[in-house]
Amino acid sequence: MRHAPIDSKLFTENRERLKKLLPPKSLAIINANDVLPTNADGTLMMHPNSDLFYLSGIEQEESILLLAPDAHDPKHREILFLREPSEHLKIWEGHKHTKDAATKISGVKQIKWLSEFPVLFRILMCELEHVWLNSNEHKRAHVEVETRDARFARECQAKFPLHNYHRLARLMHPLRVVKTEAEIKLLQQAVDITAKGFRRLLKFVKPGVNECEVEAELAHEFIRNRAKFAYNPIIASGGNACVLHYNQNDQPCKKGELLLLDVAASYANYNADLTRTIPVSGRFTRRQKAVYNAVLRVMRASIKGATVGKLTRDWQKESQLMMNEELLSLGLITKADIRKQTEDELACRKYFMHGLGHPLGLDVHDVGFTTEPFAAGWVLTVEPGIYIPKEGFAVRLENDIVVTPEGPVDLMAKTPVEAEEIEDLMNR
């Protein structure tokens, strides 16, 4: 746990919100993520299970949370199971939570060791009727490796085939998509650390630096602020920026090119998501600035348009229609192209081919029912772009916002984005 301690009130309140959604005689089970192997005896660093962290603040491997609001024994209504610390683990793996430490982090009073799980789980299964099992139900997920939750679901249903089984994700998604004030503060910390990294780059980038050196500057700034990369950073100079998920990050940044930076920090597992495009030489050319300002106008208008009650598809369509006009003025499309466009394939798609934004939180592409209208507390990215392979550059800009009844709040309002401000900071 690199980040500063978080008040356990956040996790206690999250559990209470979930309990209110559970029907009588329910039992919900949430597992930690697996520690994934690499090769030989290697393993990757464990990535905390977002749902387990949301409900408990626990980031330790093999942990299990049981919630049974109607259990006969009050001590069985919330139980957190952990690996038992030992001298062997202390020497080889370091710190493991004590029971007192786990209670302080999570607010869960009943902490048990994993060896006690089988007996207590059977007691609760025999007592209760509705079992809520967790799984990854993000629409864009491509899951090839069986997860710890998936194994548990299979084993549980084999041992107890007559229970009523339900999908916990259907309850977790609408809970997690609406951020509390405490969560927004953690997101703001991730945003502020990201801004520090970006400002550092504005002083560092010049012709001749390598994309990997730019990445190293960000790593330095993020780690020194108790954060990490929220996702694989995209450091794309020149034509590399026309590859949407460019991750090579090993090419020199040349004079006259633009450098697209899709980079952000994760603090306490809450993720920022920033994109900026800057001139390697410190000054935009006239053409580059025209494209840049076109994208900036679409981003700013789209931020204003992210209001309570709007559907994602309508928000996206509004941005595409704005982008059509910008591309027309840039000479990239013609009025004939607009006349020939279809409802499903607008003219702008040739140069702006991806979505406008997505929910953001404990996952970069956070969970939530995006078929539902925006509600107060949703945190969204806003990321229009124009990609011109024939001219060897692209511009994408991205800010993170909170939807509120009074209108959107831009969490990145203090992160430089105006072309003139970027030029000024790069040339000081």
Protein backbone atom coordinates (compact mmCIF):
# COMPACT_ATOMS: atom_id res chain seq x y z
CA MET A 1 0.00 0.00 0.00
CA ARG A 2 2.02 2.91 -1.30
CA HIS A 3 -0.71 5.52 -0.85
CA ALA A 4 -1.58 7.29 2.39
CA PRO A 5 -4.19 5.60 4.65
CA ILE A 6 -7.84 6.08 3.65
CA ASP A 7 -10.61 6.60 6.20
CA SER A 8 -12.42 3.24 6.54
CA LYS A 9 -15.71 5.16 6.49
CA LEU A 10 -15.52 5.12 2.68
CA PHE A 11 -15.53 1.31 2.56
CA THR A 12 -18.08 0.88 5.36
CA GLU A 13 -20.53 3.16 3.54
CA ASN A 14 -19.93 1.33 0.26
CA ARG A 15 -20.82 -1.99 1.92
CA GLU A 16 -23.97 -0.50 3.39
CA ARG A 17 -25.08 0.70 -0.05
CA LEU A 18 -24.61 -2.80 -1.45
CA LYS A 19 -26.45 -4.45 1.44
CA LYS A 20 -29.51 -2.31 0.77
CA LEU A 21 -29.70 -3.79 -2.72
CA LEU A 22 -29.52 -7.43 -1.58
CA PRO A 23 -32.84 -9.29 -1.18
CA PRO A 24 -33.54 -11.18 2.08
CA LYS A 25 -31.46 -14.29 2.82
CA SER A 26 -28.58 -13.19 0.57
CA LEU A 27 -24.88 -13.99 0.67
CA ALA A 28 -22.36 -12.06 -1.47
CA ILE A 29 -18.78 -13.27 -1.99
CA ILE A 30 -15.94 -11.17 -3.41
CA ASN A 31 -12.45 -12.62 -4.04
CA ALA A 32 -9.08 -10.96 -4.49
CA ASN A 33 -7.49 -11.17 -7.92
CA ASP A 34 -4.94 -13.87 -8.70
CA VAL A 35 -1.21 -13.31 -8.62
CA LEU A 36 -0.45 -13.97 -12.29
CA PRO A 37 2.59 -16.00 -13.44
CA THR A 38 5.12 -14.79 -16.00
CA ASN A 39 7.77 -17.45 -16.81
CA ALA A 40 9.90 -19.82 -14.75
CA ASP A 41 9.17 -18.85 -11.12
CA GLY A 42 8.26 -15.24 -11.93
CA THR A 43 5.01 -13.45 -11.14
CA LEU A 44 3.48 -10.11 -11.96
CA MET A 45 2.67 -7.59 -9.27
CA MET A 46 -0.87 -8.29 -8.11
CA HIS A 47 -3.49 -5.83 -9.29
CA PRO A 48 -6.12 -5.37 -6.54
CA ASN A 49 -9.64 -6.51 -7.34
CA SER A 50 -11.59 -3.27 -7.83
CA ASP A 51 -14.80 -4.57 -6.25
CA LEU A 52 -12.97 -5.96 -3.21
CA PHE A 53 -11.11 -2.68 -2.76
CA TYR A 54 -14.34 -0.67 -3.19
CA LEU A 55 -15.99 -2.67 -0.40
CA SER A 56 -13.05 -3.16 1.97
CA GLY A 57 -9.93 -1.21 1.02
CA ILE A 58 -8.00 -4.50 1.08
CA GLU A 59 -5.27 -5.01 -1.53
CA GLN A 60 -3.75 -8.27 -0.25
CA GLU A 61 -3.73 -11.51 -2.27
CA GLU A 62 -6.13 -14.41 -1.54
CA SER A 63 -8.47 -12.21 0.54
CA ILE A 64 -12.22 -12.99 0.59
CA LEU A 65 -15.09 -10.78 1.73
CA LEU A 66 -18.44 -12.30 2.77
CA LEU A 67 -21.53 -10.16 3.22
CA ALA A 68 -24.64 -11.78 4.70
CA PRO A 69 -26.89 -9.03 6.13
CA ASP A 70 -29.54 -11.52 7.37
CA ALA A 71 -27.24 -14.12 8.92
CA HIS A 72 -28.62 -15.46 12.20
CA ASP A 73 -25.34 -14.80 14.03
CA PRO A 74 -24.56 -11.05 13.90
CA LYS A 75 -20.85 -11.95 13.77
CA HIS A 76 -21.44 -13.65 10.42
CA ARG A 77 -22.93 -10.62 8.65
CA GLU A 78 -19.57 -9.22 7.54
CA ILE A 79 -16.46 -11.40 7.51
CA LEU A 80 -13.10 -10.69 5.91
CA PHE A 81 -10.78 -13.68 5.39
CA LEU A 82 -7.02 -13.13 5.05
CA ARG A 83 -3.78 -15.07 4.78
CA GLU A 84 -2.46 -15.70 8.27
CA PRO A 85 0.87 -13.91 8.89
CA SER A 86 3.81 -16.13 9.77
CA GLU A 87 7.55 -15.82 10.26
CA HIS A 88 8.08 -17.57 6.93
CA LEU A 89 5.90 -15.08 5.04
CA LYS A 90 7.48 -12.19 6.91
CA ILE A 91 10.95 -13.23 5.72
CA TRP A 92 10.04 -14.09 2.12
CA GLU A 93 7.16 -11.76 1.25
CA GLY A 94 7.14 -9.08 3.93
CA HIS A 95 4.15 -7.48 5.59
CA LYS A 96 0.78 -9.24 5.80
CA HIS A 97 -2.21 -7.67 7.53
CA THR A 98 -2.87 -8.48 11.15
CA LYS A 99 -6.51 -8.70 12.21
CA ASP A 100 -6.34 -5.29 13.88
CA ALA A 101 -4.74 -3.69 10.82
CA ALA A 102 -7.36 -5.20 8.51
CA THR A 103 -10.17 -3.84 10.69
CA LYS A 104 -8.56 -0.40 10.71
CA ILE A 105 -8.35 -0.39 6.90
CA SER A 106 -11.75 -1.90 6.12
CA GLY A 107 -14.01 -1.19 9.08
CA VAL A 108 -14.91 -4.92 9.12
CA LYS A 109 -14.95 -6.16 12.72
CA GLN A 110 -14.84 -9.89 12.02
CA ILE A 111 -11.46 -10.81 10.55
CA LYS A 112 -10.74 -14.53 10.09
CA TRP A 113 -7.85 -16.49 8.62
CA LEU A 114 -8.39 -18.34 5.35
CA SER A 115 -8.18 -21.71 7.12
CA GLU A 116 -11.52 -20.89 8.74
CA PHE A 117 -13.30 -20.12 5.46
CA PRO A 118 -14.62 -23.59 4.46
CA VAL A 119 -16.52 -24.18 7.71
CA LEU A 120 -18.01 -20.69 8.00
CA PHE A 121 -18.91 -20.62 4.32
CA ARG A 122 -20.80 -23.91 4.59
CA ILE A 123 -22.70 -22.65 7.65
CA LEU A 124 -23.84 -19.58 5.75
CA MET A 125 -24.67 -21.49 2.56
CA CYS A 126 -26.89 -23.88 4.54
CA GLU A 127 -28.64 -20.92 6.18
CA LEU A 128 -29.14 -18.60 3.21
CA GLU A 129 -30.90 -18.86 -0.16
CA HIS A 130 -29.60 -16.23 -2.60
CA VAL A 131 -25.91 -16.34 -3.55
CA TRP A 132 -24.31 -13.37 -5.33
CA LEU A 133 -21.16 -14.31 -7.24
CA ASN A 134 -18.82 -11.84 -8.86
CA SER A 135 -17.50 -11.73 -12.42
CA ASN A 136 -16.05 -9.29 -14.95
CA GLU A 137 -19.03 -8.03 -16.93
CA HIS A 138 -17.44 -5.04 -18.63
CA LYS A 139 -18.81 -5.08 -22.18
CA ARG A 140 -15.40 -4.65 -23.77
CA ALA A 141 -13.58 -7.22 -21.64
CA HIS A 142 -11.91 -10.11 -23.48
CA VAL A 143 -11.32 -12.74 -20.78
CA GLU A 144 -9.23 -15.76 -21.81
CA VAL A 145 -7.72 -16.70 -18.43
CA GLU A 146 -9.98 -18.13 -15.74
CA THR A 147 -10.10 -15.72 -12.81
CA ARG A 148 -10.21 -16.47 -9.10
CA ASP A 149 -13.86 -15.34 -9.03
CA ALA A 150 -14.68 -17.63 -11.98
CA ARG A 151 -13.05 -20.66 -10.32
CA PHE A 152 -14.87 -19.94 -7.10
CA ALA A 153 -18.22 -19.63 -8.91
CA ARG A 154 -17.70 -22.98 -10.64
CA GLU A 155 -16.70 -24.76 -7.42
CA CYS A 156 -19.49 -23.15 -5.40
CA GLN A 157 -22.19 -24.17 -7.86
CA ALA A 158 -20.83 -27.70 -8.03
CA LYS A 159 -20.98 -28.10 -4.22
CA PHE A 160 -24.29 -26.27 -3.74
CA PRO A 161 -26.32 -26.76 -6.94
CA LEU A 162 -29.76 -25.96 -5.48
CA HIS A 163 -29.23 -22.37 -4.37
CA ASN A 164 -30.49 -19.32 -6.27
CA TYR A 165 -27.44 -17.79 -7.94
CA HIS A 166 -27.21 -14.15 -9.02
CA ARG A 167 -24.74 -11.82 -10.76
CA LEU A 168 -23.16 -9.43 -8.28
CA ALA A 169 -21.90 -7.23 -11.13
CA ARG A 170 -25.49 -6.14 -11.84
CA LEU A 171 -25.50 -4.49 -8.39
CA MET A 172 -21.89 -3.30 -8.31
CA HIS A 173 -21.93 -1.44 -11.63
CA PRO A 174 -24.61 1.16 -10.74
CA LEU A 175 -23.02 1.60 -7.30
CA ARG A 176 -19.48 2.15 -8.55
CA VAL A 177 -20.36 4.47 -11.44
CA VAL A 178 -21.70 7.10 -9.02
CA LYS A 179 -18.73 8.50 -7.11
CA THR A 180 -18.97 9.76 -3.55
CA GLU A 181 -17.28 12.93 -2.35
CA ALA A 182 -14.48 10.85 -0.78
CA GLU A 183 -13.87 9.04 -4.07
CA ILE A 184 -13.79 12.28 -6.04
CA LYS A 185 -11.12 13.61 -3.65
CA LEU A 186 -8.97 10.53 -4.36
CA LEU A 187 -9.53 10.97 -8.09
CA GLN A 188 -8.53 14.62 -7.77
CA GLN A 189 -5.28 13.52 -6.12
CA ALA A 190 -4.57 11.27 -9.10
CA VAL A 191 -5.38 14.17 -11.44
CA ASP A 192 -3.12 16.58 -9.53
CA ILE A 193 -0.19 14.13 -9.61
CA THR A 194 -0.79 13.67 -13.34
CA ALA A 195 -0.66 17.44 -13.81
CA LYS A 196 2.70 17.57 -12.01
CA GLY A 197 4.03 14.95 -14.41
CA PHE A 198 2.74 16.88 -17.42
CA ARG A 199 4.26 20.16 -16.26
CA ARG A 200 7.56 18.35 -15.73
CA LEU A 201 7.44 17.16 -19.36
CA LEU A 202 6.82 20.64 -20.70
CA LYS A 203 10.24 21.61 -19.31
CA PHE A 204 11.89 18.42 -20.55
CA VAL A 205 10.68 17.74 -24.10
CA LYS A 206 12.84 19.03 -26.95
CA PRO A 207 14.09 17.71 -30.29
CA GLY A 208 16.28 14.64 -29.86
CA VAL A 209 14.78 13.21 -26.66
CA ASN A 210 13.46 9.67 -26.96
CA GLU A 211 9.89 8.67 -26.21
CA CYS A 212 11.23 6.30 -23.52
CA GLU A 213 13.02 9.19 -21.80
CA VAL A 214 9.71 11.06 -21.65
CA GLU A 215 8.11 8.00 -20.05
CA ALA A 216 10.93 7.85 -17.50
CA GLU A 217 10.30 11.47 -16.46
CA LEU A 218 6.67 10.61 -15.78
CA ALA A 219 7.61 7.50 -13.80
CA HIS A 220 9.89 9.63 -11.62
CA GLU A 221 7.16 12.17 -10.87
CA PHE A 222 4.41 9.62 -10.27
CA ILE A 223 6.41 7.35 -7.97
CA ARG A 224 7.79 10.21 -5.89
CA ASN A 225 4.15 11.20 -5.26
CA ARG A 226 3.15 7.68 -4.10
CA ALA A 227 1.37 6.88 -7.35
CA LYS A 228 1.90 4.65 -10.40
CA PHE A 229 0.88 4.64 -14.05
CA ALA A 230 -2.88 4.21 -14.41
CA TYR A 231 -2.29 2.32 -17.69
CA ASN A 232 0.50 1.69 -20.18
CA PRO A 233 1.58 5.21 -21.17
CA ILE A 234 1.22 6.30 -24.80
CA ILE A 235 4.18 8.52 -25.75
CA ALA A 236 3.69 8.95 -29.50
CA SER A 237 5.71 11.35 -31.62
CA GLY A 238 4.93 12.31 -35.20
CA GLY A 239 3.02 9.68 -37.15
CA ASN A 240 3.09 7.28 -34.17
CA ALA A 241 0.23 9.32 -32.74
CA CYS A 242 -2.07 8.00 -35.47
CA VAL A 243 -1.87 4.56 -33.79
CA LEU A 244 -4.58 4.81 -31.13
CA HIS A 245 -2.95 2.46 -28.62
CA TYR A 246 0.70 3.01 -29.48
CA ASN A 247 2.86 1.51 -26.70
CA GLN A 248 6.29 1.15 -28.34
CA ASN A 249 7.62 4.37 -26.77
CA ASP A 250 11.13 4.04 -28.21
CA GLN A 251 11.40 6.55 -31.06
CA PRO A 252 13.23 9.90 -31.10
CA CYS A 253 11.13 13.05 -30.94
CA LYS A 254 12.05 15.16 -33.96
CA LYS A 255 12.06 18.87 -34.64
CA GLY A 256 8.72 20.10 -35.97
CA GLU A 257 6.76 17.04 -34.80
CA LEU A 258 3.89 16.87 -32.35
CA LEU A 259 4.11 14.56 -29.34
CA LEU A 260 0.86 12.94 -28.21
CA LEU A 261 0.85 12.01 -24.51
CA ASP A 262 -1.90 9.74 -23.19
CA VAL A 263 -0.55 9.30 -19.67
CA ALA A 264 -1.97 9.44 -16.16
CA ALA A 265 -1.38 8.52 -12.55
CA SER A 266 -3.22 6.05 -10.35
CA TYR A 267 -3.40 7.03 -6.69
CA ALA A 268 -4.93 4.66 -4.10
CA ASN A 269 -6.24 2.61 -7.06
CA TYR A 270 -8.22 5.60 -8.38
CA ASN A 271 -7.19 6.49 -11.91
CA ALA A 272 -6.80 9.74 -13.78
CA ASP A 273 -6.83 9.73 -17.60
CA LEU A 274 -5.11 12.61 -19.41
CA THR A 275 -4.23 13.26 -23.04
CA ARG A 276 -2.26 16.24 -24.27
CA THR A 277 -0.51 16.97 -27.57
CA ILE A 278 2.53 19.24 -27.50
CA PRO A 279 5.04 20.58 -30.09
CA VAL A 280 8.46 18.94 -29.74
CA SER A 281 10.17 22.19 -30.76
CA GLY A 282 8.11 24.29 -28.36
CA ARG A 283 5.99 26.01 -31.04
CA PHE A 284 3.04 24.75 -33.05
CA THR A 285 3.08 25.34 -36.79
CA ARG A 286 0.08 27.23 -38.15
CA ARG A 287 -1.49 23.99 -39.43
CA GLN A 288 -0.81 22.11 -36.20
CA LYS A 289 -2.34 24.89 -34.13
CA ALA A 290 -5.44 25.02 -36.36
CA VAL A 291 -6.03 21.28 -35.85
CA TYR A 292 -5.21 21.60 -32.14
CA ASN A 293 -7.72 24.39 -31.55
CA ALA A 294 -10.39 22.50 -33.50
CA VAL A 295 -10.00 19.52 -31.12
CA LEU A 296 -9.95 21.85 -28.12
CA ARG A 297 -13.23 23.48 -29.18
CA VAL A 298 -14.90 20.08 -29.51
CA MET A 299 -13.56 18.99 -26.11
CA ARG A 300 -14.77 22.16 -24.38
CA ALA A 301 -18.22 21.98 -25.98
CA SER A 302 -18.48 18.27 -25.14
CA ILE A 303 -17.60 18.96 -21.50
CA LYS A 304 -20.43 21.50 -21.33
CA GLY A 305 -22.74 18.96 -22.95
CA ALA A 306 -22.16 16.25 -20.32
CA THR A 307 -25.30 16.97 -18.32
CA VAL A 308 -27.55 14.91 -16.05
CA GLY A 309 -30.03 12.86 -18.07
CA LYS A 310 -28.08 12.72 -21.34
CA LEU A 311 -27.42 9.37 -23.03
CA THR A 312 -23.88 8.45 -24.03
CA ARG A 313 -24.93 7.84 -27.64
CA ASP A 314 -26.52 11.29 -27.90
CA TRP A 315 -23.46 12.93 -26.34
CA GLN A 316 -21.23 11.12 -28.81
CA LYS A 317 -23.43 12.15 -31.74
CA GLU A 318 -23.29 15.81 -30.69
CA SER A 319 -19.49 15.66 -30.67
CA GLN A 320 -19.39 14.03 -34.10
CA LEU A 321 -21.58 16.73 -35.61
CA MET A 322 -19.30 19.39 -34.12
CA MET A 323 -16.28 17.55 -35.45
CA ASN A 324 -17.82 17.46 -38.94
CA GLU A 325 -17.86 21.26 -38.95
CA GLU A 326 -14.29 21.50 -37.69
CA LEU A 327 -13.01 19.02 -40.27
CA LEU A 328 -14.87 20.92 -42.98
CA SER A 329 -13.14 24.16 -42.01
CA LEU A 330 -9.77 22.36 -41.94
CA GLY A 331 -10.30 21.08 -45.48
CA LEU A 332 -10.18 17.45 -44.40
CA ILE A 333 -13.73 16.65 -45.52
CA THR A 334 -16.13 18.26 -47.98
CA LYS A 335 -19.81 19.11 -47.93
CA ALA A 336 -20.26 16.21 -50.35
CA ASP A 337 -18.77 13.87 -47.71
CA ILE A 338 -21.32 15.15 -45.19
CA ARG A 339 -24.19 14.65 -47.65
CA LYS A 340 -23.07 11.06 -48.24
CA GLN A 341 -22.71 10.17 -44.54
CA THR A 342 -25.08 7.70 -42.87
CA GLU A 343 -26.57 7.61 -39.39
CA ASP A 344 -24.07 4.93 -38.37
CA GLU A 345 -21.03 6.29 -40.24
CA LEU A 346 -20.70 10.06 -40.03
CA ALA A 347 -18.15 11.81 -42.23
CA CYS A 348 -15.91 12.64 -39.26
CA ARG A 349 -15.25 8.96 -38.60
CA LYS A 350 -12.38 9.00 -41.11
CA TYR A 351 -10.42 11.30 -38.79
CA PHE A 352 -12.19 10.81 -35.41
CA MET A 353 -12.88 7.09 -35.24
CA HIS A 354 -13.15 6.37 -31.51
CA GLY A 355 -15.59 7.12 -28.71
CA LEU A 356 -15.81 10.47 -26.96
CA GLY A 357 -15.30 9.19 -23.43
CA HIS A 358 -15.97 6.59 -20.77
CA PRO A 359 -16.63 6.25 -17.02
CA LEU A 360 -13.50 6.59 -14.87
CA GLY A 361 -12.68 5.41 -11.36
CA LEU A 362 -11.15 2.27 -9.84
CA ASP A 363 -10.80 1.03 -13.41
CA VAL A 364 -9.65 3.31 -16.21
CA HIS A 365 -12.56 2.12 -18.32
CA ASP A 366 -14.74 1.96 -15.24
CA VAL A 367 -17.85 -0.17 -14.86
CA GLY A 368 -21.34 1.26 -15.18
CA PHE A 369 -24.39 0.88 -17.40
CA THR A 370 -23.53 3.25 -20.22
CA THR A 371 -26.93 2.57 -21.77
CA GLU A 372 -28.37 4.56 -18.85
CA PRO A 373 -28.48 8.39 -18.84
CA PHE A 374 -25.74 10.34 -17.09
CA ALA A 375 -26.43 10.86 -13.39
CA ALA A 376 -24.93 13.15 -10.77
CA GLY A 377 -21.67 11.68 -9.51
CA TRP A 378 -20.60 10.05 -12.76
CA VAL A 379 -16.94 10.73 -13.58
CA LEU A 380 -16.25 10.75 -17.32
CA THR A 381 -13.35 11.29 -19.67
CA VAL A 382 -13.82 13.65 -22.61
CA GLU A 383 -11.33 12.83 -25.39
CA PRO A 384 -11.93 13.98 -28.97
CA GLY A 385 -9.14 13.69 -31.51
CA ILE A 386 -8.17 14.26 -35.13
CA TYR A 387 -5.77 11.78 -36.79
CA ILE A 388 -4.13 12.71 -40.12
CA PRO A 389 -1.71 9.96 -41.21
CA LYS A 390 -1.05 11.67 -44.56
CA GLU A 391 0.26 14.74 -42.71
CA GLY A 392 2.17 12.67 -40.16
CA PHE A 393 0.53 13.90 -36.98
CA ALA A 394 -2.51 13.64 -34.73
CA VAL A 395 -4.05 15.71 -31.96
CA ARG A 396 -6.01 14.25 -29.07
CA LEU A 397 -7.00 16.10 -25.90
CA GLU A 398 -8.62 14.59 -22.82
CA ASN A 399 -9.92 15.92 -19.52
CA ASP A 400 -11.75 14.18 -16.66
CA ILE A 401 -15.05 15.62 -15.43
CA VAL A 402 -17.71 15.04 -12.78
CA VAL A 403 -21.38 15.26 -13.80
CA THR A 404 -23.37 17.34 -11.29
CA PRO A 405 -26.91 18.78 -11.17
CA GLU A 406 -25.39 22.25 -11.65
CA GLY A 407 -23.38 21.18 -14.67
CA PRO A 408 -20.06 19.38 -15.29
CA VAL A 409 -17.03 20.06 -13.08
CA ASP A 410 -13.67 19.76 -14.85
CA LEU A 411 -11.18 17.98 -12.56
CA MET A 412 -8.39 19.01 -14.94
CA ALA A 413 -9.29 22.69 -15.17
CA LYS A 414 -5.83 23.64 -13.81
CA THR A 415 -3.88 21.35 -16.14
CA PRO A 416 -2.47 23.40 -19.06
CA VAL A 417 -4.34 22.89 -22.32
CA GLU A 418 -4.41 26.18 -24.23
CA ALA A 419 -1.91 26.11 -27.11
CA GLU A 420 -0.39 29.45 -26.09
CA GLU A 421 0.02 28.37 -22.45
CA ILE A 422 1.77 25.16 -23.51
CA GLU A 423 4.11 27.10 -25.79
CA ASP A 424 4.86 29.59 -23.01
CA LEU A 425 5.66 26.85 -20.46
CA MET A 426 7.86 25.00 -22.93
CA ASN A 427 9.88 28.12 -23.77
CA ARG A 428 10.44 29.58 -20.31
